[in-house]
């Protein structure tokens, strides 16, 4: 049902955006490859996306890195950023709730939380707990475009059309942070470990995901 609803929204969106006669505005921005490899006490290592994954993602700019605080005894944090400079041609943001189960992860919990990050007003985000065997992960993700964060992929599509009509822009992004959970750890506890990292990346996003 979720897939069908997504198709119902994406297809008319692509048709409408392609029908726009004006030359689309593609804002200047820094490439995600220049995103800081070190954030405070977190050092990072690059995760190379394979050709199959890039083919599924479509035309965009993507970054995945594993950030680790050597002084802390906490699991690493996986940061994934996906930016689409234009979504007129049908290359749109993919929901992790479609991709992660396809990679063998089973959803255990799917809720909404409100994030209050430096430089931005409060906005809703998704909190997604996934499991595979004895492993569990907490995923926080949200859709980000033009200084606006939303949790719902359907609202993201609505704003995509609205901004294309109002601003002649169809760019947008997905921000996703993930961490392994300790055995028996609650989602609330894992989220508290993620929040300092999300606060650290928040002031940097405007350089890579234009307002």
N, C-alpha and C. Protein backbone atom coordinates (compact mmCIF):
# COMPACT_ATOMS: atom_id res chain seq x y z
N UNK A 1 0.83 -1.20 0.00
CA UNK A 1 0.00 0.00 0.00
C UNK A 1 0.87 1.26 0.00
N UNK A 2 1.92 1.27 0.82
CA UNK A 2 2.81 2.44 0.87
C UNK A 2 3.46 2.66 -0.49
N UNK A 3 3.88 1.57 -1.14
CA UNK A 3 4.52 1.69 -2.44
C UNK A 3 3.54 2.25 -3.46
N UNK A 4 2.29 1.75 -3.43
CA UNK A 4 1.27 2.22 -4.37
C UNK A 4 1.00 3.71 -4.17
N UNK A 5 0.90 4.14 -2.90
CA UNK A 5 0.66 5.55 -2.63
C UNK A 5 1.82 6.40 -3.12
N UNK A 6 3.04 5.89 -2.93
CA UNK A 6 4.21 6.64 -3.40
C UNK A 6 4.18 6.80 -4.91
N UNK A 7 3.82 5.73 -5.63
CA UNK A 7 3.74 5.81 -7.08
C UNK A 7 2.68 6.82 -7.51
N UNK A 8 1.52 6.78 -6.83
CA UNK A 8 0.43 7.71 -7.16
C UNK A 8 0.89 9.15 -7.02
N UNK A 9 1.75 9.41 -6.02
CA UNK A 9 2.25 10.77 -5.82
C UNK A 9 3.39 11.12 -6.76
N UNK A 10 4.31 10.18 -6.98
CA UNK A 10 5.51 10.47 -7.74
C UNK A 10 5.21 10.70 -9.21
N UNK A 11 4.35 9.86 -9.81
CA UNK A 11 4.10 9.96 -11.24
C UNK A 11 3.49 11.31 -11.62
N UNK A 12 2.38 11.74 -10.96
CA UNK A 12 1.86 13.07 -11.32
C UNK A 12 2.84 14.19 -11.02
N UNK A 13 3.64 14.01 -9.95
CA UNK A 13 4.64 15.03 -9.63
C UNK A 13 5.64 15.18 -10.75
N UNK A 14 6.14 14.05 -11.27
CA UNK A 14 7.11 14.08 -12.36
C UNK A 14 6.51 14.72 -13.61
N UNK A 15 5.25 14.38 -13.91
CA UNK A 15 4.59 14.95 -15.09
C UNK A 15 4.45 16.46 -14.94
N UNK A 16 4.00 16.89 -13.76
CA UNK A 16 3.81 18.33 -13.53
C UNK A 16 5.12 19.08 -13.63
N UNK A 17 6.16 18.54 -13.02
CA UNK A 17 7.43 19.25 -13.01
C UNK A 17 8.04 19.32 -14.40
N UNK A 18 7.89 18.25 -15.18
CA UNK A 18 8.43 18.25 -16.53
C UNK A 18 7.67 19.23 -17.42
N UNK A 19 6.39 19.44 -17.08
CA UNK A 19 5.57 20.32 -17.90
C UNK A 19 5.90 21.79 -17.69
N UNK A 20 6.62 22.12 -16.66
CA UNK A 20 6.95 23.51 -16.39
C UNK A 20 7.89 24.03 -17.48
N UNK A 21 7.54 25.15 -18.08
CA UNK A 21 8.31 25.63 -19.21
C UNK A 21 9.56 26.40 -18.82
N UNK A 22 9.58 27.00 -17.64
CA UNK A 22 10.70 27.85 -17.26
C UNK A 22 11.94 27.01 -16.99
N UNK A 23 13.10 27.62 -17.22
CA UNK A 23 14.35 26.95 -16.88
C UNK A 23 14.47 26.87 -15.36
N UNK A 24 14.68 25.69 -14.88
CA UNK A 24 14.69 25.47 -13.43
C UNK A 24 15.91 26.12 -12.79
N UNK A 25 15.72 26.66 -11.61
CA UNK A 25 16.82 27.23 -10.84
C UNK A 25 17.55 26.11 -10.11
N UNK A 26 18.85 25.99 -10.38
CA UNK A 26 19.71 25.03 -9.68
C UNK A 26 20.67 25.84 -8.81
N UNK A 27 20.45 25.88 -7.50
CA UNK A 27 21.27 26.76 -6.65
C UNK A 27 22.70 26.26 -6.52
N UNK A 28 23.60 27.21 -6.30
CA UNK A 28 25.00 26.87 -6.04
C UNK A 28 25.12 26.24 -4.66
N UNK A 29 26.02 25.31 -4.54
CA UNK A 29 26.22 24.62 -3.27
C UNK A 29 27.57 23.93 -3.29
N UNK A 30 28.05 23.55 -2.09
CA UNK A 30 29.28 22.79 -1.98
C UNK A 30 28.97 21.31 -2.20
N UNK A 31 29.87 20.56 -2.86
CA UNK A 31 29.64 19.13 -3.05
C UNK A 31 29.73 18.38 -1.72
N UNK A 32 28.95 17.31 -1.60
CA UNK A 32 28.96 16.54 -0.35
C UNK A 32 30.32 15.94 -0.06
N UNK A 33 31.14 15.74 -1.07
CA UNK A 33 32.48 15.19 -0.84
C UNK A 33 33.33 16.10 0.04
N UNK A 34 32.96 17.39 0.11
CA UNK A 34 33.72 18.32 0.94
C UNK A 34 33.16 18.45 2.36
N UNK A 35 32.12 17.68 2.68
CA UNK A 35 31.57 17.70 4.04
C UNK A 35 32.68 17.29 5.01
N UNK A 36 32.81 17.98 6.16
CA UNK A 36 33.93 17.72 7.07
C UNK A 36 34.04 16.25 7.48
N UNK A 37 35.25 15.73 7.34
CA UNK A 37 35.50 14.34 7.73
C UNK A 37 35.68 14.22 9.24
N UNK A 38 35.96 15.34 9.90
CA UNK A 38 36.08 15.35 11.35
C UNK A 38 35.11 16.37 11.91
N UNK A 39 34.31 15.93 12.87
CA UNK A 39 33.34 16.80 13.52
C UNK A 39 33.57 16.71 15.03
N UNK A 40 34.15 17.75 15.60
CA UNK A 40 34.45 17.70 17.02
C UNK A 40 35.36 16.52 17.33
N UNK A 41 34.90 15.62 18.18
CA UNK A 41 35.70 14.44 18.55
C UNK A 41 35.46 13.24 17.64
N UNK A 42 34.61 13.42 16.63
CA UNK A 42 34.30 12.30 15.74
C UNK A 42 35.22 12.30 14.52
N UNK A 43 35.93 11.20 14.33
CA UNK A 43 36.67 10.96 13.10
C UNK A 43 35.82 10.07 12.20
N UNK A 44 36.11 10.08 10.90
CA UNK A 44 35.24 9.33 9.99
C UNK A 44 36.02 8.50 8.98
N UNK A 45 35.35 7.53 8.44
CA UNK A 45 35.85 6.75 7.32
C UNK A 45 34.76 6.69 6.26
N UNK A 46 35.19 6.78 5.00
CA UNK A 46 34.25 6.82 3.89
C UNK A 46 33.66 5.45 3.61
N UNK A 47 32.39 5.41 3.28
CA UNK A 47 31.73 4.19 2.81
C UNK A 47 31.40 4.39 1.34
N UNK A 48 32.01 3.60 0.48
CA UNK A 48 31.81 3.73 -0.95
C UNK A 48 30.50 3.07 -1.36
N UNK A 49 29.64 3.80 -2.03
CA UNK A 49 28.38 3.25 -2.53
C UNK A 49 28.66 2.50 -3.83
N UNK A 50 28.13 1.28 -3.92
CA UNK A 50 28.39 0.48 -5.12
C UNK A 50 27.55 0.96 -6.30
N UNK A 51 27.88 0.46 -7.48
CA UNK A 51 27.22 0.92 -8.71
C UNK A 51 25.74 0.61 -8.69
N UNK A 52 25.34 -0.54 -8.16
CA UNK A 52 23.92 -0.90 -8.13
C UNK A 52 23.14 0.07 -7.26
N UNK A 53 23.72 0.42 -6.11
CA UNK A 53 23.05 1.37 -5.22
C UNK A 53 22.92 2.74 -5.88
N UNK A 54 23.99 3.19 -6.52
CA UNK A 54 23.95 4.49 -7.19
C UNK A 54 22.95 4.49 -8.34
N UNK A 55 22.81 3.35 -9.03
CA UNK A 55 21.84 3.26 -10.12
C UNK A 55 20.42 3.39 -9.59
N UNK A 56 20.15 2.81 -8.41
CA UNK A 56 18.82 2.90 -7.81
C UNK A 56 18.55 4.32 -7.33
N UNK A 57 19.56 4.96 -6.75
CA UNK A 57 19.39 6.30 -6.21
C UNK A 57 19.10 7.32 -7.31
N UNK A 58 19.75 7.17 -8.45
CA UNK A 58 19.51 8.10 -9.56
C UNK A 58 20.49 9.25 -9.57
N UNK A 59 20.12 10.32 -10.27
CA UNK A 59 21.01 11.46 -10.47
C UNK A 59 20.99 12.36 -9.25
N UNK A 60 22.09 12.38 -8.52
CA UNK A 60 22.18 13.21 -7.33
C UNK A 60 23.58 13.20 -6.78
N UNK A 61 23.74 13.76 -5.61
CA UNK A 61 25.01 13.83 -4.91
C UNK A 61 24.83 13.09 -3.59
N UNK A 62 25.71 12.12 -3.30
CA UNK A 62 25.49 11.23 -2.16
C UNK A 62 26.76 11.11 -1.33
N UNK A 63 26.54 10.95 -0.03
CA UNK A 63 27.65 10.77 0.91
C UNK A 63 27.24 9.78 1.98
N UNK A 64 28.12 8.83 2.26
CA UNK A 64 27.92 7.96 3.42
C UNK A 64 29.26 7.83 4.13
N UNK A 65 29.24 8.15 5.41
CA UNK A 65 30.46 8.07 6.23
C UNK A 65 30.13 7.45 7.58
N UNK A 66 31.13 6.81 8.16
CA UNK A 66 31.01 6.23 9.49
C UNK A 66 31.85 7.09 10.44
N UNK A 67 31.16 7.75 11.38
CA UNK A 67 31.84 8.63 12.34
C UNK A 67 31.98 7.92 13.68
N UNK A 68 33.18 8.03 14.26
CA UNK A 68 33.48 7.36 15.52
C UNK A 68 34.23 8.30 16.44
N UNK A 69 33.84 8.33 17.71
CA UNK A 69 34.57 9.08 18.72
C UNK A 69 35.53 8.12 19.41
N UNK A 70 36.85 8.22 19.14
CA UNK A 70 37.80 7.25 19.69
C UNK A 70 37.81 7.22 21.22
N UNK A 71 37.46 8.35 21.85
CA UNK A 71 37.50 8.41 23.31
C UNK A 71 36.26 7.80 23.96
N UNK A 72 35.23 7.58 23.18
CA UNK A 72 33.98 7.05 23.73
C UNK A 72 33.86 5.56 23.43
N UNK A 73 33.16 4.86 24.28
CA UNK A 73 32.93 3.44 24.07
C UNK A 73 31.52 3.21 23.50
N UNK A 74 31.19 4.02 22.53
CA UNK A 74 29.87 3.96 21.92
C UNK A 74 30.00 3.48 20.48
N UNK A 75 28.95 2.90 19.94
CA UNK A 75 28.98 2.48 18.54
C UNK A 75 29.17 3.68 17.61
N UNK A 76 29.70 3.41 16.44
CA UNK A 76 29.89 4.45 15.44
C UNK A 76 28.54 4.95 14.94
N UNK A 77 28.56 6.11 14.31
CA UNK A 77 27.36 6.71 13.74
C UNK A 77 27.51 6.77 12.22
N UNK A 78 26.56 6.19 11.54
CA UNK A 78 26.54 6.19 10.07
C UNK A 78 25.75 7.41 9.61
N UNK A 79 26.40 8.28 8.84
CA UNK A 79 25.74 9.45 8.27
C UNK A 79 25.54 9.23 6.78
N UNK A 80 24.31 9.36 6.32
CA UNK A 80 24.00 9.26 4.90
C UNK A 80 23.27 10.52 4.48
N UNK A 81 23.80 11.20 3.46
CA UNK A 81 23.19 12.39 2.89
C UNK A 81 22.93 12.14 1.41
N UNK A 82 21.74 12.42 0.97
CA UNK A 82 21.39 12.29 -0.44
C UNK A 82 20.75 13.59 -0.90
N UNK A 83 21.39 14.25 -1.86
CA UNK A 83 20.88 15.53 -2.37
C UNK A 83 20.57 15.40 -3.85
N UNK A 84 19.36 15.84 -4.22
CA UNK A 84 18.94 15.83 -5.61
C UNK A 84 18.78 17.27 -6.07
N UNK A 85 19.64 17.75 -6.99
CA UNK A 85 19.54 19.13 -7.44
C UNK A 85 18.27 19.40 -8.23
N UNK A 86 17.72 18.35 -8.86
CA UNK A 86 16.46 18.48 -9.59
C UNK A 86 15.71 17.16 -9.48
N UNK A 87 14.40 17.25 -9.23
CA UNK A 87 13.57 16.06 -9.18
C UNK A 87 12.51 16.08 -10.29
N UNK A 88 12.75 16.86 -11.32
CA UNK A 88 11.80 16.96 -12.42
C UNK A 88 11.76 15.70 -13.28
N UNK A 89 12.88 15.02 -13.39
CA UNK A 89 12.97 13.90 -14.32
C UNK A 89 12.55 12.58 -13.69
N UNK A 90 12.05 12.62 -12.47
CA UNK A 90 11.60 11.39 -11.82
C UNK A 90 12.58 10.82 -10.82
N UNK A 91 13.81 11.38 -10.73
CA UNK A 91 14.76 10.95 -9.72
C UNK A 91 14.40 11.64 -8.41
N UNK A 92 13.72 10.92 -7.52
CA UNK A 92 13.25 11.51 -6.28
C UNK A 92 13.85 10.76 -5.09
N UNK A 93 13.65 11.33 -3.93
CA UNK A 93 14.25 10.79 -2.71
C UNK A 93 13.57 9.47 -2.33
N UNK A 94 14.40 8.47 -2.01
CA UNK A 94 13.90 7.16 -1.63
C UNK A 94 13.78 7.07 -0.11
N UNK A 95 12.66 6.60 0.38
CA UNK A 95 12.46 6.44 1.81
C UNK A 95 13.28 5.26 2.33
N UNK A 96 13.99 5.43 3.47
CA UNK A 96 14.68 4.30 4.08
C UNK A 96 13.74 3.15 4.43
N UNK A 97 12.46 3.45 4.62
CA UNK A 97 11.51 2.38 4.94
C UNK A 97 11.24 1.48 3.74
N UNK A 98 11.66 1.90 2.56
CA UNK A 98 11.59 1.04 1.39
C UNK A 98 12.92 0.31 1.20
N UNK A 99 14.03 1.02 1.44
CA UNK A 99 15.35 0.48 1.12
C UNK A 99 15.89 -0.49 2.17
N UNK A 100 15.73 -0.14 3.46
CA UNK A 100 16.34 -0.97 4.51
C UNK A 100 15.73 -2.36 4.60
N UNK A 101 14.41 -2.53 4.51
CA UNK A 101 13.89 -3.90 4.49
C UNK A 101 14.39 -4.69 3.29
N UNK A 102 14.62 -4.01 2.17
CA UNK A 102 15.16 -4.70 1.01
C UNK A 102 16.58 -5.18 1.22
N UNK A 103 17.29 -4.58 2.19
CA UNK A 103 18.66 -5.00 2.53
C UNK A 103 18.67 -6.04 3.64
N UNK A 104 17.49 -6.54 4.02
CA UNK A 104 17.42 -7.62 5.01
C UNK A 104 17.12 -7.16 6.42
N UNK A 105 16.87 -5.87 6.64
CA UNK A 105 16.56 -5.37 7.98
C UNK A 105 15.05 -5.39 8.20
N UNK A 106 14.64 -5.89 9.36
CA UNK A 106 13.22 -5.97 9.68
C UNK A 106 12.83 -4.83 10.61
N UNK A 107 11.76 -4.11 10.30
CA UNK A 107 11.33 -3.00 11.16
C UNK A 107 10.73 -3.50 12.47
N UNK A 108 11.17 -2.91 13.57
CA UNK A 108 10.61 -3.22 14.90
C UNK A 108 9.76 -2.09 15.44
N UNK A 109 10.12 -0.87 15.10
CA UNK A 109 9.40 0.29 15.62
C UNK A 109 9.51 1.43 14.61
N UNK A 110 8.42 2.13 14.44
CA UNK A 110 8.41 3.28 13.54
C UNK A 110 7.58 4.38 14.18
N UNK A 111 8.24 5.41 14.68
CA UNK A 111 7.55 6.49 15.37
C UNK A 111 8.07 7.83 14.84
N UNK A 112 7.44 8.90 15.30
CA UNK A 112 7.87 10.25 14.96
C UNK A 112 8.41 10.93 16.21
N UNK A 113 9.46 11.71 16.03
CA UNK A 113 10.03 12.51 17.10
C UNK A 113 10.18 13.94 16.60
N UNK A 114 10.32 14.87 17.51
CA UNK A 114 10.56 16.27 17.15
C UNK A 114 12.01 16.61 17.45
N UNK A 115 12.71 17.11 16.45
CA UNK A 115 14.10 17.51 16.62
C UNK A 115 14.20 19.02 16.69
N UNK A 116 15.01 19.49 17.60
CA UNK A 116 15.30 20.92 17.73
C UNK A 116 16.81 21.08 17.60
N UNK A 117 17.25 21.44 16.40
CA UNK A 117 18.67 21.49 16.10
C UNK A 117 19.14 22.92 15.96
N UNK A 118 20.42 23.19 16.24
CA UNK A 118 20.93 24.56 16.19
C UNK A 118 20.69 25.22 14.83
N UNK A 119 20.18 26.44 14.86
CA UNK A 119 19.97 27.19 13.65
C UNK A 119 18.67 26.91 12.92
N UNK A 120 17.85 26.01 13.47
CA UNK A 120 16.60 25.63 12.80
C UNK A 120 15.49 25.50 13.84
N UNK A 121 14.27 25.79 13.41
CA UNK A 121 13.13 25.58 14.29
C UNK A 121 12.83 24.10 14.44
N UNK A 122 12.04 23.70 15.44
CA UNK A 122 11.68 22.29 15.64
C UNK A 122 10.97 21.73 14.41
N UNK A 123 11.24 20.49 14.11
CA UNK A 123 10.59 19.84 12.97
C UNK A 123 10.47 18.34 13.26
N UNK A 124 9.53 17.65 12.61
CA UNK A 124 9.33 16.23 12.85
C UNK A 124 10.33 15.38 12.06
N UNK A 125 10.75 14.29 12.67
CA UNK A 125 11.64 13.33 12.02
C UNK A 125 11.16 11.92 12.33
N UNK A 126 11.65 10.96 11.57
CA UNK A 126 11.29 9.56 11.76
C UNK A 126 12.30 8.87 12.66
N UNK A 127 11.78 8.07 13.60
CA UNK A 127 12.64 7.21 14.41
C UNK A 127 12.27 5.77 14.07
N UNK A 128 13.24 5.07 13.54
CA UNK A 128 13.01 3.76 12.94
C UNK A 128 13.96 2.76 13.60
N UNK A 129 13.43 1.73 14.25
CA UNK A 129 14.24 0.68 14.85
C UNK A 129 14.18 -0.54 13.93
N UNK A 130 15.36 -1.03 13.53
CA UNK A 130 15.42 -2.17 12.63
C UNK A 130 16.28 -3.27 13.25
N UNK A 131 16.03 -4.51 12.86
CA UNK A 131 16.74 -5.65 13.43
C UNK A 131 17.07 -6.66 12.33
N UNK A 132 18.19 -7.33 12.53
CA UNK A 132 18.59 -8.44 11.66
C UNK A 132 19.39 -9.41 12.51
N UNK A 133 18.82 -10.59 12.74
CA UNK A 133 19.47 -11.52 13.67
C UNK A 133 19.50 -10.94 15.06
N UNK A 134 20.69 -10.90 15.66
CA UNK A 134 20.84 -10.34 17.00
C UNK A 134 21.20 -8.85 16.98
N UNK A 135 21.29 -8.28 15.79
CA UNK A 135 21.69 -6.88 15.67
C UNK A 135 20.47 -5.98 15.58
N UNK A 136 20.56 -4.84 16.24
CA UNK A 136 19.50 -3.82 16.18
C UNK A 136 20.14 -2.47 15.92
N UNK A 137 19.46 -1.64 15.15
CA UNK A 137 19.93 -0.31 14.84
C UNK A 137 18.82 0.69 15.07
N UNK A 138 19.22 1.90 15.44
CA UNK A 138 18.27 3.02 15.50
C UNK A 138 18.60 3.96 14.36
N UNK A 139 17.56 4.31 13.60
CA UNK A 139 17.70 5.21 12.46
C UNK A 139 16.86 6.46 12.72
N UNK A 140 17.47 7.61 12.60
CA UNK A 140 16.74 8.88 12.56
C UNK A 140 16.89 9.44 11.15
N UNK A 141 15.78 9.82 10.54
CA UNK A 141 15.89 10.41 9.21
C UNK A 141 14.76 11.40 8.97
N UNK A 142 15.05 12.32 8.06
CA UNK A 142 14.06 13.33 7.70
C UNK A 142 14.38 13.85 6.30
N UNK A 143 13.37 14.45 5.68
CA UNK A 143 13.51 15.08 4.38
C UNK A 143 13.77 16.56 4.59
N UNK A 144 14.75 17.09 3.86
CA UNK A 144 15.18 18.47 4.10
C UNK A 144 15.26 19.22 2.79
N UNK A 145 14.57 20.34 2.72
CA UNK A 145 14.62 21.18 1.53
C UNK A 145 14.25 22.61 1.90
N UNK A 146 15.08 23.56 1.45
CA UNK A 146 14.76 24.98 1.59
C UNK A 146 14.49 25.37 3.04
N UNK A 147 15.38 24.87 3.92
CA UNK A 147 15.33 25.16 5.35
C UNK A 147 14.06 24.62 6.01
N UNK A 148 13.55 23.51 5.49
CA UNK A 148 12.32 22.91 6.04
C UNK A 148 12.53 21.41 6.18
N UNK A 149 12.28 20.91 7.39
CA UNK A 149 12.38 19.48 7.64
C UNK A 149 11.02 18.85 7.82
N UNK A 150 10.78 17.72 7.19
CA UNK A 150 9.53 16.98 7.34
C UNK A 150 9.84 15.50 7.50
N UNK A 151 8.94 14.79 8.16
CA UNK A 151 9.11 13.35 8.35
C UNK A 151 8.41 12.55 7.26
N UNK A 152 7.28 13.05 6.79
CA UNK A 152 6.45 12.29 5.86
C UNK A 152 6.96 12.44 4.42
N UNK A 153 7.12 11.31 3.74
CA UNK A 153 7.52 11.37 2.33
C UNK A 153 6.42 12.00 1.48
N UNK A 154 5.16 11.86 1.93
CA UNK A 154 4.05 12.42 1.18
C UNK A 154 4.00 13.94 1.31
N UNK A 155 4.28 14.45 2.51
CA UNK A 155 4.39 15.89 2.66
C UNK A 155 5.60 16.42 1.89
N UNK A 156 6.69 15.63 1.84
CA UNK A 156 7.86 16.05 1.06
C UNK A 156 7.49 16.20 -0.41
N UNK A 157 6.65 15.28 -0.94
CA UNK A 157 6.20 15.39 -2.33
C UNK A 157 5.30 16.62 -2.51
N UNK A 158 4.45 16.88 -1.54
CA UNK A 158 3.57 18.06 -1.61
C UNK A 158 4.41 19.33 -1.70
N UNK A 159 5.39 19.47 -0.81
CA UNK A 159 6.23 20.66 -0.82
C UNK A 159 7.09 20.73 -2.07
N UNK A 160 7.44 19.57 -2.62
CA UNK A 160 8.21 19.56 -3.87
C UNK A 160 7.43 20.27 -4.97
N UNK A 161 6.16 19.92 -5.11
CA UNK A 161 5.32 20.57 -6.13
C UNK A 161 5.12 22.05 -5.79
N UNK A 162 4.84 22.34 -4.53
CA UNK A 162 4.62 23.73 -4.12
C UNK A 162 5.84 24.60 -4.40
N UNK A 163 7.03 24.10 -4.04
CA UNK A 163 8.25 24.89 -4.23
C UNK A 163 8.60 25.02 -5.71
N UNK A 164 8.28 23.98 -6.50
CA UNK A 164 8.53 24.07 -7.93
C UNK A 164 7.69 25.16 -8.56
N UNK A 165 6.45 25.30 -8.11
CA UNK A 165 5.57 26.33 -8.63
C UNK A 165 5.94 27.72 -8.11
N UNK A 166 6.29 27.78 -6.83
CA UNK A 166 6.54 29.07 -6.18
C UNK A 166 7.95 29.59 -6.41
N UNK A 167 8.95 28.68 -6.37
CA UNK A 167 10.35 29.07 -6.42
C UNK A 167 11.07 28.61 -7.69
N UNK A 168 10.40 27.78 -8.48
CA UNK A 168 11.03 27.18 -9.66
C UNK A 168 12.25 26.34 -9.27
N UNK A 169 12.14 25.68 -8.14
CA UNK A 169 13.20 24.77 -7.67
C UNK A 169 12.56 23.44 -7.26
N UNK A 170 13.26 22.35 -7.56
CA UNK A 170 12.78 21.03 -7.14
C UNK A 170 13.86 20.25 -6.41
N UNK A 171 14.87 20.96 -5.91
CA UNK A 171 15.95 20.28 -5.19
C UNK A 171 15.48 19.88 -3.79
N UNK A 172 16.12 18.87 -3.23
CA UNK A 172 15.79 18.40 -1.90
C UNK A 172 16.74 17.31 -1.46
N UNK A 173 16.62 16.92 -0.21
CA UNK A 173 17.60 15.98 0.34
C UNK A 173 16.97 15.07 1.39
N UNK A 174 17.67 13.99 1.64
CA UNK A 174 17.39 13.09 2.76
C UNK A 174 18.58 13.13 3.69
N UNK A 175 18.31 13.27 4.98
CA UNK A 175 19.36 13.21 6.01
C UNK A 175 19.06 12.00 6.89
N UNK A 176 20.03 11.11 7.03
CA UNK A 176 19.81 9.88 7.80
C UNK A 176 21.02 9.62 8.69
N UNK A 177 20.77 9.40 9.99
CA UNK A 177 21.84 9.02 10.92
C UNK A 177 21.42 7.71 11.58
N UNK A 178 22.40 6.81 11.71
CA UNK A 178 22.11 5.45 12.19
C UNK A 178 23.18 5.03 13.18
N UNK A 179 22.79 4.30 14.21
CA UNK A 179 23.75 3.74 15.15
C UNK A 179 23.31 2.35 15.60
N UNK A 180 24.30 1.49 15.86
CA UNK A 180 23.99 0.20 16.46
C UNK A 180 23.48 0.40 17.88
N UNK A 181 22.60 -0.49 18.30
CA UNK A 181 22.07 -0.44 19.66
C UNK A 181 22.72 -1.53 20.51
N UNK A 182 23.03 -1.19 21.75
CA UNK A 182 23.55 -2.19 22.68
C UNK A 182 22.46 -3.23 22.97
N UNK A 183 22.85 -4.46 23.34
CA UNK A 183 21.84 -5.45 23.71
C UNK A 183 20.94 -4.94 24.83
N UNK A 184 19.65 -4.98 24.61
CA UNK A 184 18.70 -4.52 25.63
C UNK A 184 18.53 -3.03 25.70
N UNK A 185 19.23 -2.27 24.87
CA UNK A 185 19.13 -0.81 24.93
C UNK A 185 17.78 -0.34 24.39
N UNK A 186 17.24 0.70 24.99
CA UNK A 186 15.97 1.26 24.55
C UNK A 186 16.21 2.25 23.41
N UNK A 187 15.21 2.46 22.55
CA UNK A 187 15.35 3.47 21.51
C UNK A 187 15.61 4.87 22.07
N UNK A 188 15.01 5.19 23.22
CA UNK A 188 15.23 6.51 23.83
C UNK A 188 16.70 6.71 24.17
N UNK A 189 17.32 5.67 24.72
CA UNK A 189 18.73 5.76 25.10
C UNK A 189 19.61 5.92 23.86
N UNK A 190 19.34 5.14 22.82
CA UNK A 190 20.13 5.25 21.59
C UNK A 190 19.93 6.62 20.94
N UNK A 191 18.72 7.15 21.02
CA UNK A 191 18.47 8.46 20.44
C UNK A 191 19.28 9.54 21.16
N UNK A 192 19.40 9.43 22.47
CA UNK A 192 20.18 10.41 23.22
C UNK A 192 21.64 10.39 22.78
N UNK A 193 22.13 9.24 22.35
CA UNK A 193 23.51 9.17 21.86
C UNK A 193 23.64 9.81 20.48
N UNK A 194 22.56 9.80 19.70
CA UNK A 194 22.60 10.37 18.36
C UNK A 194 22.44 11.89 18.34
N UNK A 195 21.73 12.43 19.34
CA UNK A 195 21.39 13.85 19.29
C UNK A 195 22.60 14.79 19.26
N UNK A 196 23.68 14.55 20.04
CA UNK A 196 24.82 15.46 19.93
C UNK A 196 25.42 15.47 18.53
N UNK A 197 25.41 14.33 17.86
CA UNK A 197 25.94 14.28 16.50
C UNK A 197 25.04 15.04 15.53
N UNK A 198 23.73 14.84 15.64
CA UNK A 198 22.82 15.56 14.75
C UNK A 198 22.93 17.07 14.99
N UNK A 199 23.16 17.47 16.24
CA UNK A 199 23.35 18.90 16.52
C UNK A 199 24.64 19.41 15.90
N UNK A 200 25.65 18.56 15.80
CA UNK A 200 26.93 18.97 15.21
C UNK A 200 26.83 19.15 13.70
N UNK A 201 26.03 18.32 13.03
CA UNK A 201 25.95 18.44 11.57
C UNK A 201 24.96 19.52 11.14
N UNK A 202 24.01 19.85 12.00
CA UNK A 202 22.94 20.77 11.62
C UNK A 202 23.43 22.11 11.08
N UNK A 203 24.38 22.81 11.76
CA UNK A 203 24.80 24.11 11.24
C UNK A 203 25.51 24.03 9.89
N UNK A 204 25.95 22.84 9.50
CA UNK A 204 26.72 22.69 8.26
C UNK A 204 25.84 22.44 7.05
N UNK A 205 24.60 22.03 7.27
CA UNK A 205 23.77 21.54 6.17
C UNK A 205 23.48 22.62 5.12
N UNK A 206 23.38 23.87 5.53
CA UNK A 206 23.02 24.93 4.57
C UNK A 206 24.04 25.05 3.44
N UNK A 207 25.28 24.70 3.69
CA UNK A 207 26.31 24.79 2.64
C UNK A 207 26.12 23.73 1.57
N UNK A 208 25.46 22.64 1.92
CA UNK A 208 25.34 21.50 1.02
C UNK A 208 23.90 21.26 0.55
N UNK A 209 22.94 21.75 1.35
CA UNK A 209 21.51 21.65 1.00
C UNK A 209 20.96 23.07 1.07
N UNK A 210 20.96 23.80 -0.03
CA UNK A 210 20.69 25.24 0.00
C UNK A 210 19.29 25.58 0.53
N UNK A 211 19.22 26.68 1.26
CA UNK A 211 17.95 27.18 1.73
C UNK A 211 17.11 27.65 0.54
